[in-house]
PDB file of N, CA and C in Angstrom:
ATOM      1  N   MET A   1      -8.447   4.442 -12.959  1.00  0.00           N
ATOM      2  CA  MET A   1      -7.022   4.428 -12.742  1.00  0.00           C
ATOM      3  C   MET A   1      -6.655   5.323 -11.560  1.00  0.00           C
ATOM      4  N   SER A   2      -7.314   6.455 -11.414  1.00  0.00           N
ATOM      5  CA  SER A   2      -6.981   7.331 -10.294  1.00  0.00           C
ATOM      6  C   SER A   2      -7.323   6.668  -8.959  1.00  0.00           C
ATOM      7  N   ALA A   3      -8.355   5.833  -8.947  1.00  0.00           N
ATOM      8  CA  ALA A   3      -8.689   5.110  -7.718  1.00  0.00           C
ATOM      9  C   ALA A   3      -7.576   4.119  -7.362  1.00  0.00           C
ATOM     10  N   ALA A   4      -7.007   3.489  -8.360  1.00  0.00           N
ATOM     11  CA  ALA A   4      -5.918   2.540  -8.117  1.00  0.00           C
ATOM     12  C   ALA A   4      -4.702   3.262  -7.546  1.00  0.00           C
ATOM     13  N   LEU A   5      -4.371   4.414  -8.113  1.00  0.00           N
ATOM     14  CA  LEU A   5      -3.238   5.183  -7.598  1.00  0.00           C
ATOM     15  C   LEU A   5      -3.505   5.699  -6.189  1.00  0.00           C
ATOM     16  N   ALA A   6      -4.732   6.150  -5.947  1.00  0.00           N
ATOM     17  CA  ALA A   6      -5.095   6.632  -4.612  1.00  0.00           C
ATOM     18  C   ALA A   6      -5.017   5.506  -3.587  1.00  0.00           C
ATOM     19  N   ARG A   7      -5.448   4.318  -3.976  1.00  0.00           N
ATOM     20  CA  ARG A   7      -5.413   3.161  -3.076  1.00  0.00           C
ATOM     21  C   ARG A   7      -3.972   2.819  -2.699  1.00  0.00           C
ATOM     22  N   VAL A   8      -3.089   2.767  -3.681  1.00  0.00           N
ATOM     23  CA  VAL A   8      -1.678   2.462  -3.406  1.00  0.00           C
ATOM     24  C   VAL A   8      -1.091   3.524  -2.477  1.00  0.00           C
ATOM     25  N   ASN A   9      -1.377   4.776  -2.779  1.00  0.00           N
ATOM     26  CA  ASN A   9      -0.851   5.865  -1.950  1.00  0.00           C
ATOM     27  C   ASN A   9      -1.396   5.793  -0.522  1.00  0.00           C
ATOM     28  N   ALA A  10      -2.678   5.543  -0.374  1.00  0.00           N
ATOM     29  CA  ALA A  10      -3.287   5.476   0.961  1.00  0.00           C
ATOM     30  C   ALA A  10      -2.693   4.343   1.790  1.00  0.00           C
ATOM     31  N   PHE A  11      -2.607   3.165   1.229  1.00  0.00           N
ATOM     32  CA  PHE A  11      -2.060   2.023   1.965  1.00  0.00           C
ATOM     33  C   PHE A  11      -0.613   2.281   2.387  1.00  0.00           C
ATOM     34  N   ARG A  12       0.192   2.776   1.459  1.00  0.00           N
ATOM     35  CA  ARG A  12       1.603   2.988   1.772  1.00  0.00           C
ATOM     36  C   ARG A  12       1.807   4.138   2.757  1.00  0.00           C
ATOM     37  N   THR A  13       0.981   5.171   2.661  1.00  0.00           N
ATOM     38  CA  THR A  13       1.088   6.285   3.599  1.00  0.00           C
ATOM     39  C   THR A  13       0.730   5.851   5.008  1.00  0.00           C
ATOM     40  N   VAL A  14      -0.366   5.120   5.143  1.00  0.00           N
ATOM     41  CA  VAL A  14      -0.782   4.655   6.466  1.00  0.00           C
ATOM     42  C   VAL A  14       0.246   3.685   7.037  1.00  0.00           C
ATOM     43  N   ARG A  15       0.779   2.811   6.202  1.00  0.00           N
ATOM     44  CA  ARG A  15       1.816   1.885   6.677  1.00  0.00           C
ATOM     45  C   ARG A  15       3.014   2.664   7.216  1.00  0.00           C
ATOM     46  N   GLY A  16       3.405   3.717   6.529  1.00  0.00           N
ATOM     47  CA  GLY A  16       4.514   4.543   6.987  1.00  0.00           C
ATOM     48  C   GLY A  16       4.201   5.271   8.288  1.00  0.00           C
ATOM     49  N   LEU A  17       2.979   5.779   8.407  1.00  0.00           N
ATOM     50  CA  LEU A  17       2.587   6.481   9.634  1.00  0.00           C
ATOM     51  C   LEU A  17       2.558   5.547  10.840  1.00  0.00           C
ATOM     52  N   VAL A  18       1.966   4.378  10.675  1.00  0.00           N
ATOM     53  CA  VAL A  18       1.908   3.433  11.787  1.00  0.00           C
ATOM     54  C   VAL A  18       3.306   2.928  12.121  1.00  0.00           C
ATOM     55  N   GLY A  19       4.152   2.747  11.128  1.00  0.00           N
ATOM     56  CA  GLY A  19       5.534   2.355  11.383  1.00  0.00           C
ATOM     57  C   GLY A  19       6.270   3.416  12.178  1.00  0.00           C
ATOM     58  N   ARG A  20       6.027   4.674  11.846  1.00  0.00           N
ATOM     59  CA  ARG A  20       6.655   5.777  12.587  1.00  0.00           C
ATOM     60  C   ARG A  20       6.134   5.823  14.026  1.00  0.00           C
ATOM     61  N   LEU A  21       4.821   5.654  14.210  1.00  0.00           N
ATOM     62  CA  LEU A  21       4.257   5.603  15.563  1.00  0.00           C
ATOM     63  C   LEU A  21       4.865   4.457  16.369  1.00  0.00           C
ATOM     64  N   PHE A  22       5.012   3.318  15.718  1.00  0.00           N
ATOM     65  CA  PHE A  22       5.624   2.154  16.368  1.00  0.00           C
ATOM     66  C   PHE A  22       7.034   2.503  16.855  1.00  0.00           C
ATOM     67  N   ASP A  23       7.796   3.215  16.007  1.00  0.00           N
ATOM     68  CA  ASP A  23       9.145   3.627  16.392  1.00  0.00           C
ATOM     69  C   ASP A  23       9.120   4.617  17.555  1.00  0.00           C
ATOM     70  N   LEU A  24       8.163   5.531  17.548  1.00  0.00           N
ATOM     71  CA  LEU A  24       8.079   6.531  18.607  1.00  0.00           C
ATOM     72  C   LEU A  24       7.684   5.932  19.955  1.00  0.00           C
ATOM     73  N   VAL A  25       6.853   4.899  19.936  1.00  0.00           N
ATOM     74  CA  VAL A  25       6.415   4.257  21.171  1.00  0.00           C
ATOM     75  C   VAL A  25       7.550   3.409  21.747  1.00  0.00           C
ATOM     76  N   THR A  26       8.486   3.046  20.954  1.00  0.00           N
ATOM     77  CA  THR A  26       9.672   2.232  21.297  1.00  0.00           C
ATOM     78  C   THR A  26       9.271   0.881  21.871  1.00  0.00           C
ATOM     79  N   THR A  27       9.943   0.436  22.915  1.00  0.00           N
ATOM     80  CA  THR A  27       9.739  -0.932  23.398  1.00  0.00           C
ATOM     81  C   THR A  27       8.364  -1.172  23.987  1.00  0.00           C
ATOM     82  N   SER A  28       7.628  -0.124  24.306  1.00  0.00           N
ATOM     83  CA  SER A  28       6.264  -0.310  24.816  1.00  0.00           C
ATOM     84  C   SER A  28       5.397  -1.060  23.807  1.00  0.00           C
ATOM     85  N   ALA A  29       5.677  -0.838  22.534  1.00  0.00           N
ATOM     86  CA  ALA A  29       4.895  -1.502  21.494  1.00  0.00           C
ATOM     87  C   ALA A  29       5.219  -2.980  21.393  1.00  0.00           C
ATOM     88  N   VAL A  30       6.349  -3.396  21.947  1.00  0.00           N
ATOM     89  CA  VAL A  30       6.767  -4.789  21.852  1.00  0.00           C
ATOM     90  C   VAL A  30       6.441  -5.567  23.125  1.00  0.00           C
ATOM     91  N   TYR A  31       6.712  -4.977  24.275  1.00  0.00           N
ATOM     92  CA  TYR A  31       6.592  -5.709  25.535  1.00  0.00           C
ATOM     93  C   TYR A  31       5.231  -5.608  26.215  1.00  0.00           C
ATOM     94  N   ARG A  32       4.451  -4.617  25.893  1.00  0.00           N
ATOM     95  CA  ARG A  32       3.117  -4.492  26.469  1.00  0.00           C
ATOM     96  C   ARG A  32       2.103  -4.841  25.389  1.00  0.00           C
ATOM     97  N   PRO A  33       0.951  -5.318  25.805  1.00  0.00           N
ATOM     98  CA  PRO A  33      -0.087  -5.527  24.781  1.00  0.00           C
ATOM     99  C   PRO A  33      -0.404  -4.187  24.106  1.00  0.00           C
ATOM    100  N   SER A  34      -0.118  -4.101  22.844  1.00  0.00           N
ATOM    101  CA  SER A  34      -0.284  -2.848  22.128  1.00  0.00           C
ATOM    102  C   SER A  34      -1.009  -3.091  20.810  1.00  0.00           C
ATOM    103  N   PRO A  35      -2.039  -2.291  20.522  1.00  0.00           N
ATOM    104  CA  PRO A  35      -2.699  -2.438  19.226  1.00  0.00           C
ATOM    105  C   PRO A  35      -1.787  -2.039  18.067  1.00  0.00           C
ATOM    106  N   LEU A  36      -0.748  -1.244  18.343  1.00  0.00           N
ATOM    107  CA  LEU A  36       0.159  -0.839  17.272  1.00  0.00           C
ATOM    108  C   LEU A  36       0.854  -2.041  16.643  1.00  0.00           C
ATOM    109  N   ASP A  37       1.219  -3.002  17.444  1.00  0.00           N
ATOM    110  CA  ASP A  37       1.866  -4.201  16.923  1.00  0.00           C
ATOM    111  C   ASP A  37       0.976  -4.892  15.902  1.00  0.00           C
ATOM    112  N   ARG A  38      -0.271  -5.083  16.265  1.00  0.00           N
ATOM    113  CA  ARG A  38      -1.219  -5.746  15.354  1.00  0.00           C
ATOM    114  C   ARG A  38      -1.490  -4.898  14.118  1.00  0.00           C
ATOM    115  N   HIS A  39      -1.660  -3.595  14.294  1.00  0.00           N
ATOM    116  CA  HIS A  39      -1.924  -2.706  13.157  1.00  0.00           C
ATOM    117  C   HIS A  39      -0.747  -2.702  12.183  1.00  0.00           C
ATOM    118  N   LEU A  40       0.456  -2.673  12.724  1.00  0.00           N
ATOM    119  CA  LEU A  40       1.634  -2.666  11.860  1.00  0.00           C
ATOM    120  C   LEU A  40       1.723  -3.956  11.044  1.00  0.00           C
ATOM    121  N   ARG A  41       1.507  -5.095  11.699  1.00  0.00           N
ATOM    122  CA  ARG A  41       1.537  -6.375  10.971  1.00  0.00           C
ATOM    123  C   ARG A  41       0.417  -6.433   9.933  1.00  0.00           C
ATOM    124  N   ASP A  42      -0.776  -5.965  10.288  1.00  0.00           N
ATOM    125  CA  ASP A  42      -1.887  -5.965   9.338  1.00  0.00           C
ATOM    126  C   ASP A  42      -1.587  -5.097   8.118  1.00  0.00           C
ATOM    127  N   LEU A  43      -1.007  -3.928   8.353  1.00  0.00           N
ATOM    128  CA  LEU A  43      -0.705  -3.033   7.240  1.00  0.00           C
ATOM    129  C   LEU A  43       0.366  -3.598   6.321  1.00  0.00           C
ATOM    130  N   TYR A  44       1.363  -4.227   6.898  1.00  0.00           N
ATOM    131  CA  TYR A  44       2.382  -4.853   6.046  1.00  0.00           C
ATOM    132  C   TYR A  44       1.775  -5.991   5.225  1.00  0.00           C
ATOM    133  N   THR A  45       0.856  -6.722   5.823  1.00  0.00           N
ATOM    134  CA  THR A  45       0.174  -7.794   5.090  1.00  0.00           C
ATOM    135  C   THR A  45      -0.681  -7.215   3.975  1.00  0.00           C
ATOM    136  N   MET A  46      -1.448  -6.170   4.271  1.00  0.00           N
ATOM    137  CA  MET A  46      -2.309  -5.556   3.255  1.00  0.00           C
ATOM    138  C   MET A  46      -1.491  -4.998   2.092  1.00  0.00           C
ATOM    139  N   CYS A  47      -0.329  -4.462   2.387  1.00  0.00           N
ATOM    140  CA  CYS A  47       0.500  -3.880   1.327  1.00  0.00           C
ATOM    141  C   CYS A  47       1.151  -4.942   0.440  1.00  0.00           C
ATOM    142  N   GLN A  48       1.023  -6.204   0.812  1.00  0.00           N
ATOM    143  CA  GLN A  48       1.498  -7.291  -0.042  1.00  0.00           C
ATOM    144  C   GLN A  48       0.430  -7.752  -1.022  1.00  0.00           C
ATOM    145  N   HIS A  49      -0.770  -7.243  -0.875  1.00  0.00           N
ATOM    146  CA  HIS A  49      -1.877  -7.621  -1.752  1.00  0.00           C
ATOM    147  C   HIS A  49      -1.599  -7.124  -3.171  1.00  0.00           C
ATOM    148  N   ALA A  50      -2.125  -7.823  -4.143  1.00  0.00           N
ATOM    149  CA  ALA A  50      -1.884  -7.491  -5.552  1.00  0.00           C
ATOM    150  C   ALA A  50      -2.352  -6.090  -5.929  1.00  0.00           C
ATOM    151  N   THR A  51      -3.365  -5.572  -5.239  1.00  0.00           N
ATOM    152  CA  THR A  51      -3.888  -4.251  -5.600  1.00  0.00           C
ATOM    153  C   THR A  51      -3.045  -3.102  -5.057  1.00  0.00           C
ATOM    154  N   VAL A  52      -1.949  -3.415  -4.367  1.00  0.00           N
ATOM    155  CA  VAL A  52      -1.102  -2.364  -3.804  1.00  0.00           C
ATOM    156  C   VAL A  52       0.359  -2.546  -4.244  1.00  0.00           C
ATOM    157  N   GLN A  53       0.595  -3.392  -5.201  1.00  0.00           N
ATOM    158  CA  GLN A  53       1.957  -3.677  -5.642  1.00  0.00           C
ATOM    159  C   GLN A  53       2.455  -2.641  -6.647  1.00  0.00           C
ATOM    160  N   ASP A  54       3.748  -2.669  -6.909  1.00  0.00           N
ATOM    161  CA  ASP A  54       4.350  -1.743  -7.868  1.00  0.00           C
ATOM    162  C   ASP A  54       3.785  -1.899  -9.274  1.00  0.00           C
ATOM    163  N   GLN A  55       3.237  -3.075  -9.582  1.00  0.00           N
ATOM    164  CA  GLN A  55       2.672  -3.260 -10.926  1.00  0.00           C
ATOM    165  C   GLN A  55       1.524  -2.284 -11.181  1.00  0.00           C
ATOM    166  N   ILE A  56       0.835  -1.849 -10.122  1.00  0.00           N
ATOM    167  CA  ILE A  56      -0.232  -0.865 -10.280  1.00  0.00           C
ATOM    168  C   ILE A  56       0.370   0.464 -10.718  1.00  0.00           C
ATOM    169  N   LEU A  57       1.461   0.863 -10.083  1.00  0.00           N
ATOM    170  CA  LEU A  57       2.124   2.107 -10.463  1.00  0.00           C
ATOM    171  C   LEU A  57       2.676   2.021 -11.885  1.00  0.00           C
ATOM    172  N   GLN A  58       3.258   0.880 -12.225  1.00  0.00           N
ATOM    173  CA  GLN A  58       3.813   0.707 -13.571  1.00  0.00           C
ATOM    174  C   GLN A  58       2.715   0.722 -14.630  1.00  0.00           C
ATOM    175  N   SER A  59       1.611   0.026 -14.358  1.00  0.00           N
ATOM    176  CA  SER A  59       0.512  -0.010 -15.328  1.00  0.00           C
ATOM    177  C   SER A  59      -0.136   1.356 -15.464  1.00  0.00           C
ATOM    178  N   SER A  60      -0.300   2.065 -14.367  1.00  0.00           N
ATOM    179  CA  SER A  60      -0.882   3.410 -14.422  1.00  0.00           C
ATOM    180  C   SER A  60       0.022   4.354 -15.198  1.00  0.00           C
ATOM    181  N   GLY A  61       1.314   4.264 -14.946  1.00  0.00           N
ATOM    182  CA  GLY A  61       2.261   5.094 -15.682  1.00  0.00           C
ATOM    183  C   GLY A  61       2.239   4.803 -17.172  1.00  0.00           C
ATOM    184  N   ALA A  62       2.122   3.533 -17.523  1.00  0.00           N
ATOM    185  CA  ALA A  62       2.049   3.165 -18.944  1.00  0.00           C
ATOM    186  C   ALA A  62       0.825   3.784 -19.600  1.00  0.00           C
ATOM    187  N   VAL A  63      -0.319   3.732 -18.920  1.00  0.00           N
ATOM    188  CA  VAL A  63      -1.546   4.311 -19.476  1.00  0.00           C
ATOM    189  C   VAL A  63      -1.396   5.821 -19.622  1.00  0.00           C
ATOM    190  N   LEU A  64      -0.886   6.469 -18.587  1.00  0.00           N
ATOM    191  CA  LEU A  64      -0.738   7.926 -18.624  1.00  0.00           C
ATOM    192  C   LEU A  64       0.231   8.389 -19.709  1.00  0.00           C
ATOM    193  N   LEU A  65       1.213   7.544 -20.029  1.00  0.00           N
ATOM    194  CA  LEU A  65       2.188   7.891 -21.069  1.00  0.00           C
ATOM    195  C   LEU A  65       1.822   7.338 -22.440  1.00  0.00           C
ATOM    196  N   GLY A  66       0.614   6.771 -22.552  1.00  0.00           N
ATOM    197  CA  GLY A  66       0.142   6.278 -23.845  1.00  0.00           C
ATOM    198  C   GLY A  66       0.605   4.880 -24.194  1.00  0.00           C
ATOM    199  N   GLY A  67       1.117   4.148 -23.241  1.00  0.00           N
ATOM    200  CA  GLY A  67       1.593   2.795 -23.489  1.00  0.00           C
ATOM    201  C   GLY A  67       0.546   1.756 -23.146  1.00  0.00           C
ATOM    202  N   THR A  68       0.965   0.517 -23.151  1.00  0.00           N
ATOM    203  CA  THR A  68       0.083  -0.597 -22.822  1.00  0.00           C
ATOM    204  C   THR A  68       0.398  -1.078 -21.411  1.00  0.00           C
ATOM    205  N   PRO A  69      -0.609  -1.089 -20.542  1.00  0.00           N
ATOM    206  CA  PRO A  69      -0.352  -1.540 -19.174  1.00  0.00           C
ATOM    207  C   PRO A  69      -0.153  -3.046 -19.112  1.00  0.00           C
ATOM    208  N   ARG A  70       0.693  -3.508 -18.196  1.00  0.00           N
ATOM    209  CA  ARG A  70       0.911  -4.940 -18.004  1.00  0.00           C
ATOM    210  C   ARG A  70      -0.303  -5.591 -17.360  1.00  0.00           C
ATOM    211  N   ASN A  71      -1.020  -4.830 -16.549  1.00  0.00           N
ATOM    212  CA  ASN A  71      -2.174  -5.361 -15.835  1.00  0.00           C
ATOM    213  C   ASN A  71      -3.326  -4.368 -15.963  1.00  0.00           C
ATOM    214  N   PRO A  72      -4.047  -4.381 -17.087  1.00  0.00           N
ATOM    215  CA  PRO A  72      -5.093  -3.397 -17.314  1.00  0.00           C
ATOM    216  C   PRO A  72      -6.255  -3.492 -16.319  1.00  0.00           C
ATOM    217  N   VAL A  73      -6.593  -4.669 -15.882  1.00  0.00           N
ATOM    218  CA  VAL A  73      -7.712  -4.852 -14.946  1.00  0.00           C
ATOM    219  C   VAL A  73      -7.411  -4.182 -13.615  1.00  0.00           C
ATOM    220  N   ALA A  74      -6.169  -4.246 -13.176  1.00  0.00           N
ATOM    221  CA  ALA A  74      -5.787  -3.678 -11.875  1.00  0.00           C
ATOM    222  C   ALA A  74      -5.917  -2.164 -11.841  1.00  0.00           C
ATOM    223  N   VAL A  75      -5.861  -1.525 -12.983  1.00  0.00           N
ATOM    224  CA  VAL A  75      -6.014  -0.070 -13.024  1.00  0.00           C
ATOM    225  C   VAL A  75      -7.386   0.348 -13.530  1.00  0.00           C
ATOM    226  N   GLY A  76      -8.309  -0.606 -13.575  1.00  0.00           N
ATOM    227  CA  GLY A  76      -9.702  -0.305 -13.917  1.00  0.00           C
ATOM    228  C   GLY A  76     -10.018  -0.261 -15.394  1.00  0.00           C
ATOM    229  N   LEU A  77      -9.190  -0.871 -16.222  1.00  0.00           N
ATOM    230  CA  LEU A  77      -9.442  -0.912 -17.666  1.00  0.00           C
ATOM    231  C   LEU A  77      -9.925  -2.296 -18.057  1.00  0.00           C
ATOM    232  N   PRO A  78     -10.763  -2.392 -19.096  1.00  0.00           N
ATOM    233  CA  PRO A  78     -11.164  -3.729 -19.561  1.00  0.00           C
ATOM    234  C   PRO A  78      -9.983  -4.467 -20.180  1.00  0.00           C
ATOM    235  N   GLU A  79     -10.073  -5.783 -20.168  1.00  0.00           N
ATOM    236  CA  GLU A  79      -8.965  -6.586 -20.720  1.00  0.00           C
ATOM    237  C   GLU A  79      -8.825  -6.443 -22.186  1.00  0.00           C
TER     238      GLU A  79
END
């Protein structure tokens, strides 16, 4: 379960950092060939994956509070 939480945190943190870099570079990231554009799109796509969704946070919270997770497999528990 801690790996699932770490994964969600890592993906979202990196997405935020690259988004901030994109903002700091301003129009250079749009009008010139820039790897930031591709990285930002890739990170937004990766954060749509099932292993990084809010259901992971909800299921982890349920386990930590003694409840039943909605998606036990996603947090590393057997079905």
